[in-house]
Amino acid sequence: MTPVEIEIDGERNESLYVRPLQRSIRGRFDLNRVGEPMARMKTYRWPVPILSQRIGIDQDGVGYLSEPLHDGAHAPIKERIEKQGQRLEPELQTFANIHQPTWLFWIKRAVQSGLARVVGGSLPDKIDGKPRMNFIVDRPAETTGERLTAAIERQTIVLEKLLERLCNE
């Protein structure tokens, strides 16, 4: 497994909804990117951008979410955030037994859409395996043919019961 790590860094200070995790992760926030003039006046309080969380897959195939603001180099920003009553995610959250094609697909899609950039490792040209697209239903989506077959089987059972009841009268 080739490791890969991305940082959420969209042009409009976006967050990213990570489908495999079913949650949003914070993107890079830079007041200089905000078009509102009043927001730019606040740059004296936040002169440097707030780094985004990072998501990736390590060389062992374990998914993770990291919070770079715990690093000592970013202590002033971390303290300022905590003084405002906000709290940061843990420094590292790991997710064992991930479905790698799914994670790679959604990571690659975030990079291709311009919401993220690769900061470690590299994305594969081709993803081996079928990524999961539906996270609302636990089971994989049925094909149209499978649904039609199941409907005909249910209809056959009902007709058999009806025929049996008519023959017994």
N, C-alpha and C. Protein backbone atom coordinates (compact mmCIF):
# COMPACT_ATOMS: atom_id res chain seq x y z
N MET A 1 0.85 -1.19 0.00
CA MET A 1 0.00 0.00 0.00
C MET A 1 0.88 1.24 0.00
N THR A 2 0.64 2.12 -0.96
CA THR A 2 1.35 3.38 -1.01
C THR A 2 0.62 4.38 -0.13
N PRO A 3 1.31 4.97 0.85
CA PRO A 3 0.61 5.92 1.73
C PRO A 3 0.25 7.20 0.98
N VAL A 4 -0.80 7.84 1.45
CA VAL A 4 -1.22 9.12 0.88
C VAL A 4 -1.86 9.95 1.99
N GLU A 5 -1.61 11.26 1.94
CA GLU A 5 -2.20 12.18 2.92
C GLU A 5 -2.60 13.44 2.19
N ILE A 6 -3.81 13.93 2.49
CA ILE A 6 -4.28 15.17 1.87
C ILE A 6 -4.61 16.20 2.94
N GLU A 7 -4.53 17.45 2.52
CA GLU A 7 -4.91 18.58 3.35
C GLU A 7 -6.06 19.28 2.64
N ILE A 8 -7.10 19.63 3.39
CA ILE A 8 -8.26 20.31 2.82
C ILE A 8 -7.87 21.78 2.64
N ASP A 9 -7.86 22.24 1.40
CA ASP A 9 -7.36 23.58 1.11
C ASP A 9 -8.08 24.15 -0.11
N GLY A 10 -9.38 24.38 0.02
CA GLY A 10 -10.15 24.97 -1.07
C GLY A 10 -9.99 26.47 -1.13
N GLU A 11 -10.31 27.06 -2.25
CA GLU A 11 -10.15 28.50 -2.44
C GLU A 11 -11.06 29.33 -1.55
N ARG A 12 -12.15 28.75 -1.09
CA ARG A 12 -13.14 29.51 -0.30
C ARG A 12 -13.19 29.08 1.16
N ASN A 13 -12.12 28.53 1.68
CA ASN A 13 -12.04 28.10 3.08
C ASN A 13 -13.07 27.01 3.41
N GLU A 14 -13.30 26.11 2.45
CA GLU A 14 -14.30 25.06 2.64
C GLU A 14 -13.84 23.98 3.61
N SER A 15 -14.84 23.33 4.19
CA SER A 15 -14.61 22.08 4.91
C SER A 15 -14.88 20.97 3.91
N LEU A 16 -14.61 19.74 4.30
CA LEU A 16 -14.85 18.61 3.41
C LEU A 16 -15.67 17.57 4.15
N TYR A 17 -16.76 17.16 3.55
CA TYR A 17 -17.56 16.07 4.09
C TYR A 17 -16.94 14.78 3.58
N VAL A 18 -16.39 13.99 4.49
CA VAL A 18 -15.72 12.74 4.12
C VAL A 18 -16.74 11.62 4.21
N ARG A 19 -17.17 11.13 3.07
CA ARG A 19 -18.23 10.12 3.02
C ARG A 19 -17.90 8.85 3.80
N PRO A 20 -16.69 8.29 3.67
CA PRO A 20 -16.42 7.06 4.44
C PRO A 20 -16.50 7.27 5.96
N LEU A 21 -16.23 8.47 6.44
CA LEU A 21 -16.32 8.76 7.87
C LEU A 21 -17.68 9.29 8.28
N GLN A 22 -18.48 9.70 7.31
CA GLN A 22 -19.80 10.28 7.55
C GLN A 22 -19.72 11.52 8.46
N ARG A 23 -18.75 12.39 8.16
CA ARG A 23 -18.59 13.62 8.93
C ARG A 23 -17.75 14.63 8.17
N SER A 24 -17.84 15.87 8.59
CA SER A 24 -17.05 16.93 7.98
C SER A 24 -15.73 17.08 8.72
N ILE A 25 -14.71 17.45 7.97
CA ILE A 25 -13.44 17.79 8.60
C ILE A 25 -13.08 19.21 8.18
N ARG A 26 -12.41 19.90 9.08
CA ARG A 26 -12.12 21.32 8.90
C ARG A 26 -11.08 21.53 7.80
N GLY A 27 -11.35 22.49 6.97
CA GLY A 27 -10.41 22.89 5.93
C GLY A 27 -9.57 24.06 6.41
N ARG A 28 -8.57 24.39 5.64
CA ARG A 28 -7.70 25.53 5.93
C ARG A 28 -8.56 26.80 5.93
N PHE A 29 -8.32 27.68 6.91
CA PHE A 29 -9.08 28.93 6.98
C PHE A 29 -8.11 30.09 6.96
N ASP A 30 -8.27 30.94 5.96
CA ASP A 30 -7.40 32.10 5.77
C ASP A 30 -8.28 33.32 5.53
N LEU A 31 -8.22 34.29 6.44
CA LEU A 31 -9.04 35.49 6.31
C LEU A 31 -8.70 36.29 5.05
N ASN A 32 -7.50 36.14 4.53
CA ASN A 32 -7.12 36.86 3.31
C ASN A 32 -7.87 36.34 2.09
N ARG A 33 -8.46 35.15 2.19
CA ARG A 33 -9.24 34.59 1.08
C ARG A 33 -10.69 35.06 1.08
N VAL A 34 -11.12 35.66 2.17
CA VAL A 34 -12.51 36.09 2.29
C VAL A 34 -12.67 37.42 1.55
N GLY A 35 -13.67 37.52 0.71
CA GLY A 35 -13.88 38.71 -0.09
C GLY A 35 -14.49 39.87 0.67
N GLU A 36 -15.05 39.60 1.82
CA GLU A 36 -15.71 40.62 2.62
C GLU A 36 -14.67 41.56 3.24
N PRO A 37 -14.76 42.87 3.01
CA PRO A 37 -13.77 43.81 3.56
C PRO A 37 -13.69 43.79 5.09
N MET A 38 -14.82 43.61 5.76
CA MET A 38 -14.80 43.59 7.23
C MET A 38 -14.04 42.37 7.76
N ALA A 39 -14.07 41.29 7.03
CA ALA A 39 -13.34 40.09 7.45
C ALA A 39 -11.84 40.34 7.36
N ARG A 40 -11.42 41.05 6.35
CA ARG A 40 -9.99 41.34 6.20
C ARG A 40 -9.47 42.24 7.32
N MET A 41 -10.35 43.01 7.93
CA MET A 41 -9.92 43.85 9.05
C MET A 41 -9.55 43.00 10.27
N LYS A 42 -10.04 41.78 10.31
CA LYS A 42 -9.74 40.87 11.43
C LYS A 42 -8.40 40.16 11.28
N THR A 43 -7.71 40.40 10.18
CA THR A 43 -6.45 39.69 9.97
C THR A 43 -5.39 40.06 11.02
N TYR A 44 -5.55 41.15 11.70
CA TYR A 44 -4.60 41.47 12.76
C TYR A 44 -4.73 40.49 13.92
N ARG A 45 -5.94 39.93 14.12
CA ARG A 45 -6.14 38.94 15.19
C ARG A 45 -5.73 37.55 14.74
N TRP A 46 -5.89 37.27 13.45
CA TRP A 46 -5.57 35.96 12.88
C TRP A 46 -4.64 36.19 11.68
N PRO A 47 -3.39 36.58 11.92
CA PRO A 47 -2.51 36.93 10.81
C PRO A 47 -2.06 35.74 9.95
N VAL A 48 -2.05 34.56 10.52
CA VAL A 48 -1.66 33.38 9.75
C VAL A 48 -2.87 32.46 9.58
N PRO A 49 -2.93 31.70 8.51
CA PRO A 49 -4.06 30.80 8.30
C PRO A 49 -4.13 29.72 9.38
N ILE A 50 -5.34 29.25 9.62
CA ILE A 50 -5.55 28.11 10.52
C ILE A 50 -5.46 26.87 9.65
N LEU A 51 -4.54 25.99 9.98
CA LEU A 51 -4.32 24.79 9.18
C LEU A 51 -5.52 23.87 9.21
N SER A 52 -5.65 23.09 8.16
CA SER A 52 -6.76 22.14 8.09
C SER A 52 -6.36 20.83 8.74
N GLN A 53 -7.38 20.03 9.00
CA GLN A 53 -7.13 18.67 9.42
C GLN A 53 -6.65 17.91 8.18
N ARG A 54 -6.01 16.78 8.41
CA ARG A 54 -5.50 15.98 7.30
C ARG A 54 -6.07 14.57 7.39
N ILE A 55 -6.32 14.01 6.24
CA ILE A 55 -6.84 12.65 6.18
C ILE A 55 -5.93 11.85 5.26
N GLY A 56 -5.75 10.58 5.62
CA GLY A 56 -4.87 9.78 4.79
C GLY A 56 -4.95 8.30 5.09
N ILE A 57 -4.10 7.57 4.38
CA ILE A 57 -3.95 6.13 4.56
C ILE A 57 -2.46 5.88 4.72
N ASP A 58 -2.07 5.17 5.79
CA ASP A 58 -0.65 4.92 6.00
C ASP A 58 -0.19 3.68 5.23
N GLN A 59 1.10 3.35 5.36
CA GLN A 59 1.67 2.24 4.59
C GLN A 59 1.09 0.89 4.98
N ASP A 60 0.47 0.79 6.16
CA ASP A 60 -0.16 -0.47 6.59
C ASP A 60 -1.61 -0.57 6.14
N GLY A 61 -2.12 0.46 5.46
CA GLY A 61 -3.50 0.45 4.99
C GLY A 61 -4.50 0.90 6.04
N VAL A 62 -4.02 1.58 7.08
CA VAL A 62 -4.89 2.09 8.14
C VAL A 62 -5.24 3.54 7.82
N GLY A 63 -6.53 3.87 7.86
CA GLY A 63 -6.96 5.24 7.62
C GLY A 63 -6.76 6.08 8.86
N TYR A 64 -6.54 7.36 8.67
CA TYR A 64 -6.34 8.23 9.82
C TYR A 64 -6.81 9.66 9.54
N LEU A 65 -7.06 10.37 10.61
CA LEU A 65 -7.39 11.78 10.58
C LEU A 65 -6.46 12.45 11.58
N SER A 66 -5.67 13.42 11.12
CA SER A 66 -4.72 14.06 12.03
C SER A 66 -5.06 15.54 12.19
N GLU A 67 -4.67 16.06 13.34
CA GLU A 67 -4.90 17.47 13.69
C GLU A 67 -3.53 18.13 13.86
N PRO A 68 -3.03 18.84 12.84
CA PRO A 68 -1.68 19.41 12.91
C PRO A 68 -1.54 20.56 13.91
N LEU A 69 -2.63 21.10 14.39
CA LEU A 69 -2.53 22.22 15.34
C LEU A 69 -1.99 21.79 16.70
N HIS A 70 -1.88 20.48 16.95
CA HIS A 70 -1.29 20.01 18.20
C HIS A 70 0.24 20.11 18.17
N ASP A 71 0.80 20.31 17.00
CA ASP A 71 2.25 20.44 16.86
C ASP A 71 2.69 21.72 17.58
N GLY A 72 3.83 21.67 18.23
CA GLY A 72 4.34 22.80 19.01
C GLY A 72 4.52 24.06 18.19
N ALA A 73 4.80 23.93 16.91
CA ALA A 73 5.01 25.10 16.05
C ALA A 73 3.73 25.92 15.89
N HIS A 74 2.59 25.31 16.15
CA HIS A 74 1.30 25.99 15.98
C HIS A 74 0.64 26.29 17.33
N ALA A 75 1.42 26.31 18.39
CA ALA A 75 0.89 26.53 19.74
C ALA A 75 0.14 27.86 19.88
N PRO A 76 0.61 28.98 19.33
CA PRO A 76 -0.14 30.23 19.49
C PRO A 76 -1.55 30.17 18.89
N ILE A 77 -1.68 29.55 17.73
CA ILE A 77 -3.00 29.43 17.11
C ILE A 77 -3.88 28.51 17.96
N LYS A 78 -3.31 27.41 18.42
CA LYS A 78 -4.07 26.47 19.25
C LYS A 78 -4.57 27.14 20.52
N GLU A 79 -3.72 27.90 21.18
CA GLU A 79 -4.11 28.60 22.41
C GLU A 79 -5.23 29.60 22.13
N ARG A 80 -5.11 30.34 21.04
CA ARG A 80 -6.13 31.34 20.70
C ARG A 80 -7.48 30.66 20.45
N ILE A 81 -7.47 29.52 19.77
CA ILE A 81 -8.70 28.78 19.50
C ILE A 81 -9.31 28.28 20.80
N GLU A 82 -8.48 27.73 21.68
CA GLU A 82 -8.98 27.20 22.95
C GLU A 82 -9.47 28.30 23.89
N LYS A 83 -8.87 29.50 23.82
CA LYS A 83 -9.33 30.63 24.64
C LYS A 83 -10.74 31.05 24.25
N GLN A 84 -11.12 30.80 23.02
CA GLN A 84 -12.46 31.15 22.56
C GLN A 84 -13.48 30.07 22.90
N GLY A 85 -13.06 29.07 23.66
CA GLY A 85 -13.99 28.03 24.08
C GLY A 85 -14.13 26.89 23.09
N GLN A 86 -13.35 26.89 22.04
CA GLN A 86 -13.39 25.82 21.05
C GLN A 86 -12.40 24.73 21.47
N ARG A 87 -12.65 23.53 21.01
CA ARG A 87 -11.69 22.46 21.29
C ARG A 87 -11.31 21.78 19.98
N LEU A 88 -10.14 21.26 19.98
CA LEU A 88 -9.62 20.60 18.79
C LEU A 88 -9.86 19.10 18.88
N GLU A 89 -9.86 18.48 17.71
CA GLU A 89 -9.93 17.02 17.64
C GLU A 89 -8.65 16.45 18.24
N PRO A 90 -8.64 15.17 18.60
CA PRO A 90 -7.39 14.56 19.06
C PRO A 90 -6.31 14.67 17.99
N GLU A 91 -5.07 14.56 18.41
CA GLU A 91 -3.94 14.70 17.48
C GLU A 91 -3.99 13.68 16.35
N LEU A 92 -4.39 12.45 16.67
CA LEU A 92 -4.47 11.42 15.64
C LEU A 92 -5.62 10.47 15.96
N GLN A 93 -6.47 10.24 14.97
CA GLN A 93 -7.53 9.25 15.07
C GLN A 93 -7.27 8.23 13.97
N THR A 94 -7.25 6.95 14.35
CA THR A 94 -7.00 5.91 13.35
C THR A 94 -8.25 5.09 13.12
N PHE A 95 -8.35 4.55 11.92
CA PHE A 95 -9.51 3.76 11.52
C PHE A 95 -9.00 2.47 10.88
N ALA A 96 -9.00 1.39 11.64
CA ALA A 96 -8.52 0.11 11.13
C ALA A 96 -9.59 -0.53 10.26
N ASN A 97 -9.19 -1.48 9.46
CA ASN A 97 -10.10 -2.25 8.61
C ASN A 97 -10.93 -1.37 7.67
N ILE A 98 -10.30 -0.35 7.11
CA ILE A 98 -11.01 0.50 6.16
C ILE A 98 -11.14 -0.23 4.83
N HIS A 99 -12.09 0.19 4.02
CA HIS A 99 -12.22 -0.32 2.66
C HIS A 99 -11.38 0.60 1.79
N GLN A 100 -10.17 0.18 1.46
CA GLN A 100 -9.20 1.04 0.78
C GLN A 100 -9.69 1.61 -0.55
N PRO A 101 -10.37 0.82 -1.42
CA PRO A 101 -10.85 1.44 -2.66
C PRO A 101 -11.80 2.61 -2.40
N THR A 102 -12.62 2.50 -1.38
CA THR A 102 -13.57 3.57 -1.05
C THR A 102 -12.83 4.80 -0.57
N TRP A 103 -11.92 4.62 0.37
CA TRP A 103 -11.15 5.75 0.88
C TRP A 103 -10.35 6.41 -0.23
N LEU A 104 -9.67 5.63 -1.04
CA LEU A 104 -8.87 6.20 -2.12
C LEU A 104 -9.74 6.95 -3.12
N PHE A 105 -10.90 6.40 -3.44
CA PHE A 105 -11.80 7.06 -4.37
C PHE A 105 -12.20 8.45 -3.86
N TRP A 106 -12.63 8.53 -2.60
CA TRP A 106 -13.13 9.81 -2.07
C TRP A 106 -11.99 10.79 -1.83
N ILE A 107 -10.81 10.29 -1.46
CA ILE A 107 -9.64 11.17 -1.32
C ILE A 107 -9.25 11.74 -2.69
N LYS A 108 -9.21 10.87 -3.67
CA LYS A 108 -8.84 11.30 -5.02
C LYS A 108 -9.86 12.29 -5.57
N ARG A 109 -11.12 12.05 -5.28
CA ARG A 109 -12.17 12.95 -5.76
C ARG A 109 -12.04 14.34 -5.12
N ALA A 110 -11.68 14.40 -3.85
CA ALA A 110 -11.49 15.69 -3.18
C ALA A 110 -10.34 16.47 -3.82
N VAL A 111 -9.28 15.77 -4.18
CA VAL A 111 -8.13 16.42 -4.82
C VAL A 111 -8.52 16.89 -6.22
N GLN A 112 -9.19 16.04 -6.98
CA GLN A 112 -9.58 16.41 -8.35
C GLN A 112 -10.55 17.59 -8.38
N SER A 113 -11.37 17.71 -7.35
CA SER A 113 -12.35 18.81 -7.32
C SER A 113 -11.73 20.13 -6.87
N GLY A 114 -10.49 20.09 -6.40
CA GLY A 114 -9.83 21.32 -5.96
C GLY A 114 -10.05 21.65 -4.50
N LEU A 115 -10.71 20.78 -3.75
CA LEU A 115 -10.94 21.03 -2.33
C LEU A 115 -9.77 20.58 -1.46
N ALA A 116 -8.88 19.78 -2.01
CA ALA A 116 -7.77 19.26 -1.23
C ALA A 116 -6.53 19.16 -2.10
N ARG A 117 -5.39 19.00 -1.42
CA ARG A 117 -4.14 18.79 -2.14
C ARG A 117 -3.34 17.72 -1.42
N VAL A 118 -2.57 16.98 -2.17
CA VAL A 118 -1.76 15.91 -1.61
C VAL A 118 -0.56 16.54 -0.92
N VAL A 119 -0.33 16.17 0.35
CA VAL A 119 0.82 16.68 1.10
C VAL A 119 1.79 15.57 1.49
N GLY A 120 1.40 14.32 1.25
CA GLY A 120 2.28 13.21 1.54
C GLY A 120 1.91 12.01 0.70
N GLY A 121 2.92 11.30 0.20
CA GLY A 121 2.65 10.12 -0.61
C GLY A 121 2.12 10.52 -1.98
N SER A 122 1.40 9.62 -2.59
CA SER A 122 0.85 9.89 -3.91
C SER A 122 -0.44 9.10 -4.12
N LEU A 123 -1.28 9.64 -4.98
CA LEU A 123 -2.52 8.96 -5.32
C LEU A 123 -2.26 7.96 -6.45
N PRO A 124 -2.90 6.80 -6.39
CA PRO A 124 -2.70 5.84 -7.48
C PRO A 124 -3.42 6.31 -8.74
N ASP A 125 -2.88 5.91 -9.89
CA ASP A 125 -3.55 6.24 -11.15
C ASP A 125 -4.85 5.47 -11.29
N LYS A 126 -4.82 4.21 -10.84
CA LYS A 126 -6.00 3.35 -10.93
C LYS A 126 -6.28 2.76 -9.55
N ILE A 127 -7.55 2.74 -9.17
CA ILE A 127 -7.94 2.18 -7.88
C ILE A 127 -8.43 0.76 -8.11
N ASP A 128 -7.78 -0.20 -7.44
CA ASP A 128 -8.18 -1.60 -7.54
C ASP A 128 -9.36 -1.86 -6.60
N GLY A 129 -10.42 -2.40 -7.13
CA GLY A 129 -11.61 -2.69 -6.33
C GLY A 129 -12.69 -1.66 -6.60
N LYS A 130 -13.89 -2.00 -6.14
CA LYS A 130 -15.05 -1.14 -6.36
C LYS A 130 -15.30 -0.29 -5.12
N PRO A 131 -15.26 1.04 -5.25
CA PRO A 131 -15.52 1.90 -4.09
C PRO A 131 -16.99 1.91 -3.71
N ARG A 132 -17.24 2.12 -2.46
CA ARG A 132 -18.60 2.22 -1.95
C ARG A 132 -19.11 3.64 -2.21
N MET A 133 -20.29 3.75 -2.79
CA MET A 133 -20.87 5.05 -3.10
C MET A 133 -22.02 5.40 -2.17
N ASN A 134 -22.73 4.40 -1.70
CA ASN A 134 -23.93 4.62 -0.89
C ASN A 134 -23.60 4.34 0.58
N PHE A 135 -23.77 5.35 1.43
CA PHE A 135 -23.47 5.19 2.84
C PHE A 135 -24.72 5.27 3.71
N ILE A 136 -25.87 5.43 3.07
CA ILE A 136 -27.12 5.52 3.82
C ILE A 136 -27.61 4.12 4.15
N VAL A 137 -27.55 3.24 3.17
CA VAL A 137 -28.00 1.86 3.34
C VAL A 137 -26.76 0.99 3.52
N ASP A 138 -26.80 0.06 4.46
CA ASP A 138 -25.64 -0.78 4.74
C ASP A 138 -25.34 -1.79 3.64
N ARG A 139 -26.38 -2.28 2.99
CA ARG A 139 -26.15 -3.31 1.98
C ARG A 139 -25.85 -2.64 0.64
N PRO A 140 -25.15 -3.34 -0.22
CA PRO A 140 -24.87 -2.77 -1.54
C PRO A 140 -26.16 -2.61 -2.35
N ALA A 141 -26.18 -1.64 -3.20
CA ALA A 141 -27.37 -1.38 -4.01
C ALA A 141 -27.62 -2.54 -4.97
N GLU A 142 -28.89 -2.93 -5.10
CA GLU A 142 -29.26 -3.99 -6.02
C GLU A 142 -29.35 -3.43 -7.43
N THR A 143 -29.10 -4.29 -8.38
CA THR A 143 -29.27 -3.87 -9.77
C THR A 143 -30.76 -3.91 -10.10
N THR A 144 -31.13 -3.31 -11.20
CA THR A 144 -32.53 -3.31 -11.64
C THR A 144 -33.01 -4.74 -11.87
N GLY A 145 -32.17 -5.57 -12.47
CA GLY A 145 -32.54 -6.96 -12.72
C GLY A 145 -32.78 -7.73 -11.43
N GLU A 146 -31.96 -7.49 -10.40
CA GLU A 146 -32.15 -8.17 -9.12
C GLU A 146 -33.45 -7.74 -8.46
N ARG A 147 -33.77 -6.46 -8.54
CA ARG A 147 -35.03 -5.97 -7.95
C ARG A 147 -36.22 -6.55 -8.69
N LEU A 148 -36.16 -6.63 -10.01
CA LEU A 148 -37.24 -7.19 -10.81
C LEU A 148 -37.43 -8.67 -10.50
N THR A 149 -36.34 -9.40 -10.39
CA THR A 149 -36.41 -10.83 -10.06
C THR A 149 -37.06 -11.03 -8.69
N ALA A 150 -36.68 -10.25 -7.71
CA ALA A 150 -37.26 -10.36 -6.38
C ALA A 150 -38.75 -10.04 -6.40
N ALA A 151 -39.16 -9.04 -7.16
CA ALA A 151 -40.58 -8.68 -7.26
C ALA A 151 -41.38 -9.81 -7.91
N ILE A 152 -40.85 -10.43 -8.95
CA ILE A 152 -41.55 -11.54 -9.61
C ILE A 152 -41.67 -12.73 -8.65
N GLU A 153 -40.62 -13.00 -7.88
CA GLU A 153 -40.68 -14.10 -6.91
C GLU A 153 -41.74 -13.85 -5.84
N ARG A 154 -41.82 -12.61 -5.35
CA ARG A 154 -42.86 -12.28 -4.36
C ARG A 154 -44.24 -12.42 -4.96
N GLN A 155 -44.40 -11.97 -6.19
CA GLN A 155 -45.69 -12.06 -6.88
C GLN A 155 -46.08 -13.53 -7.12
N THR A 156 -45.12 -14.37 -7.43
CA THR A 156 -45.38 -15.79 -7.64
C THR A 156 -45.86 -16.44 -6.35
N ILE A 157 -45.27 -16.11 -5.23
CA ILE A 157 -45.69 -16.66 -3.94
C ILE A 157 -47.13 -16.28 -3.64
N VAL A 158 -47.49 -15.02 -3.89
CA VAL A 158 -48.85 -14.56 -3.64
C VAL A 158 -49.84 -15.29 -4.55
N LEU A 159 -49.49 -15.43 -5.83
CA LEU A 159 -50.38 -16.12 -6.77
C LEU A 159 -50.54 -17.60 -6.40
N GLU A 160 -49.48 -18.25 -5.94
CA GLU A 160 -49.56 -19.66 -5.52
C GLU A 160 -50.52 -19.80 -4.34
N LYS A 161 -50.42 -18.89 -3.37
CA LYS A 161 -51.32 -18.93 -2.21
C LYS A 161 -52.76 -18.70 -2.62
N LEU A 162 -52.99 -17.77 -3.53
CA LEU A 162 -54.34 -17.48 -4.02
C LEU A 162 -54.91 -18.68 -4.77
N LEU A 163 -54.11 -19.31 -5.62
CA LEU A 163 -54.55 -20.49 -6.36
C LEU A 163 -54.86 -21.65 -5.43
N GLU A 164 -54.05 -21.83 -4.41
CA GLU A 164 -54.27 -22.90 -3.44
C GLU A 164 -55.59 -22.68 -2.69
N ARG A 165 -55.85 -21.46 -2.32
CA ARG A 165 -57.08 -21.13 -1.59
C ARG A 165 -58.32 -21.33 -2.48
N LEU A 166 -58.21 -20.96 -3.77
CA LEU A 166 -59.33 -21.15 -4.69
C LEU A 166 -59.61 -22.64 -4.94
N CYS A 167 -58.55 -23.43 -5.00
CA CYS A 167 -58.72 -24.88 -5.26
C CYS A 167 -59.32 -25.60 -4.05
N ASN A 168 -59.11 -25.11 -2.86
CA ASN A 168 -59.60 -25.75 -1.63
C ASN A 168 -61.05 -25.39 -1.34
N GLU A 169 -61.63 -24.46 -2.03
CA GLU A 169 -63.00 -24.08 -1.76
C GLU A 169 -63.99 -24.86 -2.55
